[in-house]
Amino acid sequence: MKNGSETDERLEFSWPGKREAREEALLPPTSRLVPCPEESFHWDETENLYFEGDNLEVLRLLQETHAGKVRLIYIDPPYNTGRDFIFCDRFHSNGETQEKVLRKTSGKPLHGPWCSMMLPRLILARNLLAEDGAICISIDDHEAAYLRLLCDEVFGPENFVAQLVWQTKREAKGIPPKLMCVPNHEYILVYARTQNFRFLGDPRNVQDGFSNPDGDPRGPWKRQYLQRFGQGFRVRSITNPENGMVFSFETPYTEEKMAQWVKEGRIIFPTSRDKFPARKEFFGEYANPFKPIVTSLGLFSTKVGSEELKRLFGNVKVFDYAKPLDLLVTLFRRTIREGIILDFFSGSATTGHAVMKLNAEDDGRRKFILVQCAEPCGEKTHAAQAGFAHISEIGKERLRRAAMQFGTLGIDSGFRVFKTE
């Protein structure tokens, strides 16, 4: 500040309709939940839930029963790519509740309406997270920057965890685009409720670079080089006791520590001075059975995800752009082993399917809550021709078919259906 009359410059993220969008999160629910045992699967035995209705209204209802109880939220919201973008929110005008429907057909993303749709849902979602919980949001380049700003505002920039990247295809195919650049990745933005969240990591595997070529009685090991170039560490020296050869290099390790490793037979010395010593790192000495994950998750083909769903429905393409099942299995494996996973843009119910599959693989105790509105399937779509009037019907049927695959493995493969009324 230069003087008392001036204020500090302040970064602000705003758009037309932001105030009204924030007020949406404060409105009470105007619906009730109606149980539907006839559409459920193993109603009396399951703890999994499927809500059919507007997700904003369901999130309001869940505030009363699940506040602070959800360990992980995964959502795959509309990407706002330029196609029609439709959503309904209740809002108050002059004391009366009205329905708002925004439809975009201009071919250009309208960021303001998209942000207005997301903001109240993120606020309510945050209230549902446990203290060690986190939210993972799938997105692409169309709204990634705006989503990051929204999450900074709702969860706090200090609770940003990672922006994970996953590859959707190996190479560009088809007609070359105008700019001669084809995107082949998407993101999963991760924010925590508090700084108590940690990824579980990846299980360590003795096959990951470990071997025992010298028959060391301490078991399989791999090389960890001691030198660190260009990181500002001091130059230190280590001596091969067998031939007196001295090696000097930048390293974070003290000479006393390296000398101790020499006595313990952990140092592998090269035969020439143009190479550097390495330390044996034994697999059996890891206190933590997990290793940190990297932000690049790898290749999970979107085409494979669609084909998986197609096969599940007897070779009928009932849903477009389904997330690859193994992408969510990989994400959930690295986050929680037990607790509730919530998805309030559940679409074809990939999240529920992934929870069943992963629990069957690792004996986990994860439960799911899915929310999907009764969005109509187009009259000319394969889904409609197969007898599905709404996307929510596809999701429920997918869960039933997945349950038939895993139901004999002793996991909770059922779900209870509730509809908003």
Protein backbone atom coordinates (compact mmCIF):
# COMPACT_ATOMS: atom_id res chain seq x y z
CA MET A 1 0.00 0.00 0.00
CA LYS A 2 1.29 3.45 -0.94
CA ASN A 3 -1.01 5.31 1.41
CA GLY A 4 -4.06 4.75 3.58
CA SER A 5 -6.51 5.61 0.80
CA GLU A 6 -5.37 2.82 -1.50
CA THR A 7 -6.16 -0.87 -1.12
CA ASP A 8 -4.09 -3.90 -1.95
CA GLU A 9 -4.57 -5.32 -5.40
CA ARG A 10 -6.71 -8.45 -5.10
CA LEU A 11 -7.18 -11.29 -7.57
CA GLU A 12 -10.88 -11.88 -8.23
CA PHE A 13 -12.68 -14.52 -10.27
CA SER A 14 -16.14 -13.40 -11.32
CA TRP A 15 -18.72 -13.86 -14.05
CA PRO A 16 -22.34 -12.79 -14.63
CA GLY A 17 -24.57 -14.89 -12.41
CA LYS A 18 -21.94 -15.90 -9.86
CA ARG A 19 -23.82 -14.45 -6.88
CA GLU A 20 -27.00 -16.29 -7.85
CA ALA A 21 -25.02 -19.51 -8.35
CA ARG A 22 -23.52 -19.26 -4.88
CA GLU A 23 -26.98 -18.69 -3.39
CA GLU A 24 -28.13 -21.94 -5.03
CA ALA A 25 -26.01 -23.85 -2.53
CA LEU A 26 -27.84 -22.24 0.39
CA LEU A 27 -31.36 -23.17 -0.72
CA PRO A 28 -33.14 -25.97 1.15
CA PRO A 29 -34.23 -29.10 -0.71
CA THR A 30 -37.68 -28.99 -2.24
CA SER A 31 -38.02 -32.73 -2.90
CA ARG A 32 -38.22 -35.95 -0.98
CA LEU A 33 -36.66 -39.30 -1.74
CA VAL A 34 -38.90 -42.19 -2.74
CA PRO A 35 -37.47 -45.71 -2.31
CA CYS A 36 -37.74 -48.00 -5.33
CA PRO A 37 -37.01 -51.58 -4.20
CA GLU A 38 -38.36 -52.97 -7.46
CA GLU A 39 -35.59 -51.21 -9.44
CA SER A 40 -32.89 -52.06 -6.92
CA PHE A 41 -30.59 -55.07 -6.63
CA HIS A 42 -30.26 -56.93 -3.29
CA TRP A 43 -32.11 -54.13 -1.47
CA ASP A 44 -31.95 -55.80 1.96
CA GLU A 45 -28.24 -56.61 1.79
CA THR A 46 -26.53 -53.63 0.17
CA GLU A 47 -25.14 -50.33 1.41
CA ASN A 48 -24.64 -48.88 -2.08
CA LEU A 49 -27.05 -46.15 -3.18
CA TYR A 50 -28.34 -44.97 -6.55
CA PHE A 51 -30.26 -41.68 -6.70
CA GLU A 52 -32.27 -40.77 -9.76
CA GLY A 53 -32.94 -37.05 -9.95
CA ASP A 54 -31.36 -33.62 -10.32
CA ASN A 55 -27.92 -33.87 -8.71
CA LEU A 56 -28.13 -30.41 -7.12
CA GLU A 57 -31.31 -31.42 -5.31
CA VAL A 58 -29.81 -34.76 -4.24
CA LEU A 59 -26.69 -33.00 -2.94
CA ARG A 60 -28.93 -30.80 -0.81
CA LEU A 61 -30.71 -33.85 0.58
CA LEU A 62 -27.42 -35.61 1.32
CA GLN A 63 -26.33 -32.70 3.54
CA GLU A 64 -28.67 -34.08 6.20
CA THR A 65 -27.37 -37.66 6.14
CA HIS A 66 -23.83 -37.70 4.74
CA ALA A 67 -22.12 -34.44 5.72
CA GLY A 68 -18.48 -35.21 6.50
CA LYS A 69 -18.87 -38.92 5.67
CA VAL A 70 -17.67 -39.23 2.07
CA ARG A 71 -14.05 -40.33 1.61
CA LEU A 72 -13.79 -39.70 -2.12
CA ILE A 73 -15.80 -37.87 -4.76
CA TYR A 74 -15.23 -38.60 -8.43
CA ILE A 75 -17.22 -36.72 -11.07
CA ASP A 76 -17.14 -36.51 -14.83
CA PRO A 77 -19.15 -33.31 -15.48
CA PRO A 78 -20.06 -31.93 -18.92
CA TYR A 79 -16.89 -30.72 -20.63
CA ASN A 80 -18.61 -27.75 -22.31
CA THR A 81 -17.05 -28.62 -25.66
CA GLY A 82 -19.34 -26.59 -27.91
CA ARG A 83 -22.17 -29.09 -28.23
CA ASP A 84 -25.57 -28.48 -26.65
CA PHE A 85 -25.20 -27.88 -22.95
CA ILE A 86 -28.40 -28.28 -20.96
CA PHE A 87 -28.93 -28.12 -17.23
CA CYS A 88 -31.78 -27.23 -14.92
CA ASP A 89 -31.34 -25.38 -11.65
CA ARG A 90 -34.01 -24.11 -9.30
CA PHE A 91 -33.57 -20.49 -8.33
CA HIS A 92 -35.59 -17.82 -6.61
CA SER A 93 -36.87 -14.72 -8.34
CA ASN A 94 -39.16 -12.30 -6.55
CA GLY A 95 -39.88 -14.93 -3.95
CA GLU A 96 -40.98 -17.58 -6.43
CA THR A 97 -39.11 -20.74 -7.34
CA GLN A 98 -38.56 -21.05 -11.08
CA GLU A 99 -36.86 -23.47 -13.43
CA LYS A 100 -33.82 -22.27 -15.35
CA VAL A 101 -32.76 -24.06 -18.53
CA LEU A 102 -29.67 -22.89 -20.38
CA ARG A 103 -29.17 -24.32 -23.83
CA LYS A 104 -26.10 -23.46 -25.84
CA THR A 105 -25.98 -24.16 -29.56
CA SER A 106 -23.61 -21.44 -30.70
CA GLY A 107 -20.73 -23.87 -31.11
CA LYS A 108 -18.55 -21.85 -28.74
CA PRO A 109 -18.09 -22.63 -25.04
CA LEU A 110 -19.95 -20.27 -22.70
CA HIS A 111 -17.83 -20.34 -19.57
CA GLY A 112 -20.17 -18.31 -17.34
CA PRO A 113 -23.16 -20.69 -17.45
CA TRP A 114 -20.82 -23.66 -16.99
CA CYS A 115 -19.26 -22.05 -13.91
CA SER A 116 -22.73 -21.21 -12.58
CA MET A 117 -23.72 -24.86 -12.96
CA MET A 118 -20.59 -26.16 -11.20
CA LEU A 119 -20.21 -23.69 -8.32
CA PRO A 120 -23.17 -24.68 -6.08
CA ARG A 121 -22.51 -28.37 -6.68
CA LEU A 122 -18.86 -28.02 -5.64
CA ILE A 123 -19.84 -26.10 -2.50
CA LEU A 124 -22.31 -28.80 -1.45
CA ALA A 125 -19.84 -31.55 -2.42
CA ARG A 126 -17.19 -30.05 -0.15
CA ASN A 127 -19.57 -30.26 2.82
CA LEU A 128 -19.97 -34.00 2.23
CA LEU A 129 -16.24 -34.76 2.29
CA ALA A 130 -14.59 -36.27 5.35
CA GLU A 131 -11.63 -34.44 6.89
CA ASP A 132 -9.25 -36.76 5.02
CA GLY A 133 -11.40 -36.84 1.88
CA ALA A 134 -10.75 -35.53 -1.62
CA ILE A 135 -12.57 -34.75 -4.86
CA CYS A 136 -11.35 -35.91 -8.28
CA ILE A 137 -12.84 -34.16 -11.32
CA SER A 138 -12.40 -35.29 -14.91
CA ILE A 139 -11.99 -32.43 -17.38
CA ASP A 140 -10.27 -31.49 -20.62
CA ASP A 141 -8.72 -28.29 -21.96
CA HIS A 142 -12.05 -26.53 -22.57
CA GLU A 143 -12.70 -25.80 -18.89
CA ALA A 144 -9.57 -26.95 -17.05
CA ALA A 145 -8.40 -23.42 -16.26
CA TYR A 146 -11.83 -22.25 -15.05
CA LEU A 147 -12.32 -25.40 -13.00
CA ARG A 148 -9.00 -24.80 -11.26
CA LEU A 149 -10.14 -21.29 -10.29
CA LEU A 150 -13.50 -22.61 -9.08
CA CYS A 151 -11.83 -25.25 -6.92
CA ASP A 152 -9.36 -22.72 -5.51
CA GLU A 153 -12.33 -20.66 -4.40
CA VAL A 154 -14.37 -23.54 -2.95
CA PHE A 155 -11.65 -25.77 -1.45
CA GLY A 156 -8.83 -23.25 -1.06
CA PRO A 157 -5.62 -23.16 -3.14
CA GLU A 158 -3.74 -24.71 -0.23
CA ASN A 159 -5.82 -27.88 -0.68
CA PHE A 160 -4.84 -28.42 -4.30
CA VAL A 161 -3.34 -31.91 -4.53
CA ALA A 162 -2.55 -32.67 -8.17
CA GLN A 163 -3.62 -32.30 -11.76
CA LEU A 164 -3.37 -35.86 -13.04
CA VAL A 165 -3.01 -36.52 -16.77
CA TRP A 166 -4.12 -39.60 -18.65
CA GLN A 167 -3.64 -40.52 -22.27
CA THR A 168 -6.81 -41.19 -24.29
CA LYS A 169 -5.16 -42.63 -27.43
CA ARG A 170 -1.68 -43.37 -28.73
CA GLU A 171 -1.65 -41.39 -31.96
CA ALA A 172 -3.60 -39.10 -34.26
CA LYS A 173 -5.88 -40.85 -36.73
CA GLY A 174 -8.40 -39.75 -39.30
CA ILE A 175 -8.56 -36.44 -41.16
CA PRO A 176 -5.82 -33.99 -40.04
CA PRO A 177 -7.30 -30.99 -38.17
CA LYS A 178 -6.81 -27.40 -39.26
CA LEU A 179 -4.10 -26.69 -36.68
CA MET A 180 -2.38 -30.06 -37.23
CA CYS A 181 -2.49 -30.82 -33.50
CA VAL A 182 -4.66 -33.55 -32.00
CA PRO A 183 -5.18 -33.70 -28.21
CA ASN A 184 -4.71 -37.17 -26.77
CA HIS A 185 -5.00 -36.50 -23.06
CA GLU A 186 -7.44 -35.41 -20.39
CA TYR A 187 -7.06 -34.38 -16.77
CA ILE A 188 -8.27 -35.40 -13.34
CA LEU A 189 -8.12 -32.41 -11.00
CA VAL A 190 -7.68 -33.39 -7.34
CA TYR A 191 -8.49 -31.19 -4.34
CA ALA A 192 -8.64 -32.23 -0.69
CA ARG A 193 -11.09 -31.16 2.01
CA THR A 194 -8.14 -30.49 4.32
CA GLN A 195 -4.44 -31.20 4.21
CA ASN A 196 -5.04 -34.55 5.91
CA PHE A 197 -5.51 -36.29 2.55
CA ARG A 198 -2.77 -38.53 1.14
CA PHE A 199 -2.76 -40.87 -1.83
CA LEU A 200 -2.23 -44.50 -0.90
CA GLY A 201 0.37 -44.76 -3.65
CA ASP A 202 1.23 -47.70 -5.87
CA PRO A 203 1.98 -51.11 -4.32
CA ARG A 204 5.67 -51.91 -4.52
CA ASN A 205 6.41 -54.89 -6.74
CA VAL A 206 9.60 -56.94 -6.62
CA GLN A 207 9.36 -57.18 -10.40
CA ASP A 208 9.82 -53.40 -10.76
CA GLY A 209 13.56 -53.34 -11.42
CA PHE A 210 14.63 -55.56 -8.51
CA SER A 211 16.91 -58.58 -8.93
CA ASN A 212 19.67 -60.40 -7.06
CA PRO A 213 22.42 -61.19 -9.56
CA ASP A 214 25.11 -61.57 -6.86
CA GLY A 215 23.02 -63.76 -4.54
CA ASP A 216 23.01 -61.21 -1.72
CA PRO A 217 21.42 -62.87 1.35
CA ARG A 218 19.40 -59.71 1.96
CA GLY A 219 17.34 -60.49 -1.13
CA PRO A 220 16.44 -58.63 -4.35
CA TRP A 221 17.85 -55.13 -4.82
CA LYS A 222 18.13 -52.37 -7.41
CA ARG A 223 20.68 -49.65 -8.07
CA GLN A 224 20.23 -46.17 -6.65
CA TYR A 225 22.94 -43.82 -7.87
CA LEU A 226 24.51 -41.50 -5.34
CA GLN A 227 25.34 -38.50 -7.54
CA ARG A 228 22.93 -35.59 -8.13
CA PHE A 229 24.09 -33.21 -10.83
CA GLY A 230 23.06 -29.55 -10.95
CA GLN A 231 21.05 -29.56 -7.71
CA GLY A 232 23.45 -27.52 -5.59
CA PHE A 233 24.73 -30.34 -3.37
CA ARG A 234 28.30 -30.40 -2.06
CA VAL A 235 30.99 -32.43 -3.77
CA ARG A 236 31.90 -35.39 -1.56
CA SER A 237 34.18 -38.38 -2.00
CA ILE A 238 33.96 -42.13 -1.50
CA THR A 239 36.80 -44.66 -1.68
CA ASN A 240 36.75 -48.21 -2.98
CA PRO A 241 38.49 -50.17 -0.16
CA GLU A 242 39.58 -52.92 -2.56
CA ASN A 243 41.70 -50.79 -4.93
CA GLY A 244 41.86 -47.31 -3.33
CA MET A 245 40.03 -45.70 -6.29
CA VAL A 246 38.43 -42.40 -5.16
CA PHE A 247 35.19 -41.05 -6.67
CA SER A 248 34.08 -37.44 -6.15
CA PHE A 249 30.68 -36.08 -7.13
CA GLU A 250 27.78 -33.90 -6.01
CA THR A 251 25.57 -35.80 -3.59
CA PRO A 252 23.05 -35.19 -0.78
CA TYR A 253 24.67 -37.97 1.29
CA THR A 254 27.44 -37.30 3.83
CA GLU A 255 30.79 -39.04 3.54
CA GLU A 256 30.13 -40.71 6.89
CA LYS A 257 26.87 -42.15 5.59
CA MET A 258 28.47 -43.45 2.40
CA ALA A 259 31.37 -44.93 4.38
CA GLN A 260 28.84 -46.81 6.51
CA TRP A 261 27.22 -48.21 3.37
CA VAL A 262 30.64 -49.38 2.19
CA LYS A 263 31.13 -51.33 5.44
CA GLU A 264 27.68 -52.89 5.03
CA GLY A 265 28.46 -54.05 1.50
CA ARG A 266 25.79 -51.82 -0.06
CA ILE A 267 27.98 -49.89 -2.52
CA ILE A 268 28.62 -51.05 -6.07
CA PHE A 269 31.85 -49.51 -7.38
CA PRO A 270 32.51 -49.08 -11.10
CA THR A 271 35.79 -50.14 -12.68
CA SER A 272 36.56 -46.73 -14.21
CA ARG A 273 36.47 -43.16 -12.90
CA ASP A 274 34.16 -41.94 -15.68
CA LYS A 275 31.30 -43.78 -13.99
CA PHE A 276 29.81 -43.42 -10.53
CA PRO A 277 29.10 -45.69 -7.55
CA ALA A 278 25.59 -46.84 -6.77
CA ARG A 279 23.87 -48.06 -3.62
CA LYS A 280 21.97 -51.32 -3.26
CA GLU A 281 18.38 -50.64 -2.30
CA PHE A 282 16.80 -53.84 -0.98
CA PHE A 283 13.17 -54.60 -1.61
CA GLY A 284 12.72 -56.25 1.79
CA GLU A 285 13.81 -53.13 3.68
CA TYR A 286 11.01 -50.82 2.56
CA ALA A 287 8.97 -49.80 5.60
CA ASN A 288 6.20 -48.49 3.33
CA PRO A 289 4.68 -51.13 1.02
CA PHE A 290 3.57 -48.33 -1.33
CA LYS A 291 5.56 -45.95 -3.51
CA PRO A 292 4.48 -42.44 -4.56
CA ILE A 293 2.38 -42.17 -7.69
CA VAL A 294 3.26 -39.93 -10.61
CA THR A 295 0.85 -37.44 -12.14
CA SER A 296 0.95 -39.12 -15.55
CA LEU A 297 -1.38 -42.09 -15.16
CA GLY A 298 -0.65 -43.68 -18.54
CA LEU A 299 -2.80 -44.81 -21.45
CA PHE A 300 -6.47 -45.61 -20.90
CA SER A 301 -8.11 -45.72 -24.30
CA THR A 302 -11.53 -44.06 -24.50
CA LYS A 303 -12.31 -46.36 -27.40
CA VAL A 304 -11.62 -49.37 -25.19
CA GLY A 305 -13.91 -47.91 -22.52
CA SER A 306 -16.76 -47.64 -25.02
CA GLU A 307 -16.14 -51.16 -26.31
CA GLU A 308 -16.17 -52.57 -22.75
CA LEU A 309 -19.61 -51.11 -22.15
CA LYS A 310 -20.81 -52.23 -25.56
CA ARG A 311 -19.83 -55.85 -24.85
CA LEU A 312 -21.56 -55.71 -21.46
CA PHE A 313 -24.80 -54.82 -23.26
CA GLY A 314 -24.67 -57.60 -25.82
CA ASN A 315 -22.75 -55.60 -28.45
CA VAL A 316 -25.23 -52.69 -28.38
CA LYS A 317 -23.76 -49.18 -28.10
CA VAL A 318 -26.01 -47.74 -25.41
CA PHE A 319 -23.77 -44.87 -24.26
CA ASP A 320 -21.25 -42.52 -25.85
CA TYR A 321 -17.97 -41.44 -24.24
CA ALA A 322 -17.98 -43.84 -21.28
CA LYS A 323 -14.86 -43.48 -19.13
CA PRO A 324 -12.48 -46.47 -19.32
CA LEU A 325 -13.25 -48.82 -16.45
CA ASP A 326 -9.59 -49.42 -15.64
CA LEU A 327 -8.93 -45.68 -15.38
CA LEU A 328 -11.29 -45.44 -12.41
CA VAL A 329 -10.07 -48.74 -10.95
CA THR A 330 -6.54 -47.32 -11.03
CA LEU A 331 -7.62 -44.02 -9.48
CA PHE A 332 -9.65 -45.61 -6.68
CA ARG A 333 -6.91 -48.14 -5.91
CA ARG A 334 -4.52 -45.28 -5.27
CA THR A 335 -6.86 -43.32 -3.00
CA ILE A 336 -8.93 -45.38 -0.54
CA ARG A 337 -9.46 -49.00 0.51
CA GLU A 338 -12.69 -48.42 2.40
CA GLY A 339 -15.39 -45.78 2.70
CA ILE A 340 -17.87 -44.03 0.44
CA ILE A 341 -17.13 -42.97 -3.13
CA LEU A 342 -19.68 -40.46 -4.45
CA ASP A 343 -20.30 -39.71 -8.13
CA PHE A 344 -23.07 -37.18 -8.84
CA PHE A 345 -22.56 -37.14 -12.62
CA SER A 346 -22.67 -40.92 -12.85
CA GLY A 347 -23.76 -41.32 -16.49
CA SER A 348 -23.41 -44.97 -17.40
CA ALA A 349 -22.36 -45.83 -13.80
CA THR A 350 -18.70 -46.57 -14.53
CA THR A 351 -17.88 -45.52 -10.95
CA GLY A 352 -20.14 -48.17 -9.42
CA HIS A 353 -18.81 -50.82 -11.80
CA ALA A 354 -15.21 -49.86 -10.92
CA VAL A 355 -15.92 -50.06 -7.17
CA MET A 356 -17.30 -53.60 -7.56
CA LYS A 357 -14.37 -54.70 -9.70
CA LEU A 358 -11.72 -53.24 -7.41
CA ASN A 359 -13.30 -54.65 -4.24
CA ALA A 360 -13.32 -58.06 -5.92
CA GLU A 361 -9.62 -57.68 -6.76
CA ASP A 362 -8.22 -56.43 -3.44
CA ASP A 363 -10.95 -57.33 -0.92
CA GLY A 364 -11.57 -53.63 -0.30
CA ARG A 365 -14.58 -52.24 1.53
CA ARG A 366 -15.49 -49.32 -0.68
CA LYS A 367 -19.13 -48.31 -1.12
CA PHE A 368 -20.65 -46.11 -3.80
CA ILE A 369 -23.31 -43.44 -4.04
CA LEU A 370 -24.33 -42.55 -7.59
CA VAL A 371 -26.55 -39.72 -8.78
CA GLN A 372 -27.96 -39.41 -12.27
CA CYS A 373 -30.90 -37.42 -13.59
CA ALA A 374 -33.46 -39.09 -15.83
CA GLU A 375 -31.94 -37.53 -18.94
CA PRO A 376 -33.79 -38.80 -22.02
CA CYS A 377 -31.99 -40.93 -24.59
CA GLY A 378 -32.46 -39.56 -28.09
CA GLU A 379 -35.21 -41.27 -30.06
CA LYS A 380 -32.84 -42.40 -32.80
CA THR A 381 -30.07 -43.65 -30.52
CA HIS A 382 -29.12 -47.29 -30.13
CA ALA A 383 -30.02 -46.97 -26.44
CA ALA A 384 -33.60 -45.95 -27.24
CA GLN A 385 -33.89 -48.72 -29.81
CA ALA A 386 -32.69 -51.17 -27.14
CA GLY A 387 -35.52 -50.05 -24.84
CA PHE A 388 -33.76 -47.48 -22.64
CA ALA A 389 -35.74 -44.27 -22.30
CA HIS A 390 -33.33 -42.51 -19.94
CA ILE A 391 -29.59 -42.57 -19.20
CA SER A 392 -30.34 -43.48 -15.59
CA GLU A 393 -31.91 -46.72 -16.84
CA ILE A 394 -28.65 -47.56 -18.62
CA GLY A 395 -26.71 -46.95 -15.41
CA LYS A 396 -28.94 -49.17 -13.30
CA GLU A 397 -28.85 -51.96 -15.86
CA ARG A 398 -25.08 -51.74 -16.07
CA LEU A 399 -24.83 -52.17 -12.31
CA ARG A 400 -27.09 -55.23 -12.44
CA ARG A 401 -24.99 -56.80 -15.18
CA ALA A 402 -21.75 -55.98 -13.37
CA ALA A 403 -23.17 -57.46 -10.18
CA MET A 404 -23.70 -60.75 -11.98
CA GLN A 405 -19.95 -60.81 -12.69
CA PHE A 406 -18.79 -60.11 -9.13
CA GLY A 407 -21.72 -61.13 -6.93
CA THR A 408 -20.28 -64.58 -6.18
CA LEU A 409 -17.01 -63.14 -4.81
CA GLY A 410 -18.38 -62.07 -1.43
CA ILE A 411 -18.50 -58.33 -2.14
CA ASP A 412 -21.41 -55.90 -1.89
CA SER A 413 -22.65 -55.90 -5.48
CA GLY A 414 -26.12 -54.51 -4.86
CA PHE A 415 -27.62 -51.02 -4.84
CA ARG A 416 -30.72 -49.30 -3.49
CA VAL A 417 -32.58 -46.97 -5.84
CA PHE A 418 -34.21 -43.74 -4.65
CA LYS A 419 -35.94 -41.15 -6.81
CA THR A 420 -36.56 -37.50 -6.06
CA GLU A 421 -40.20 -36.45 -6.00
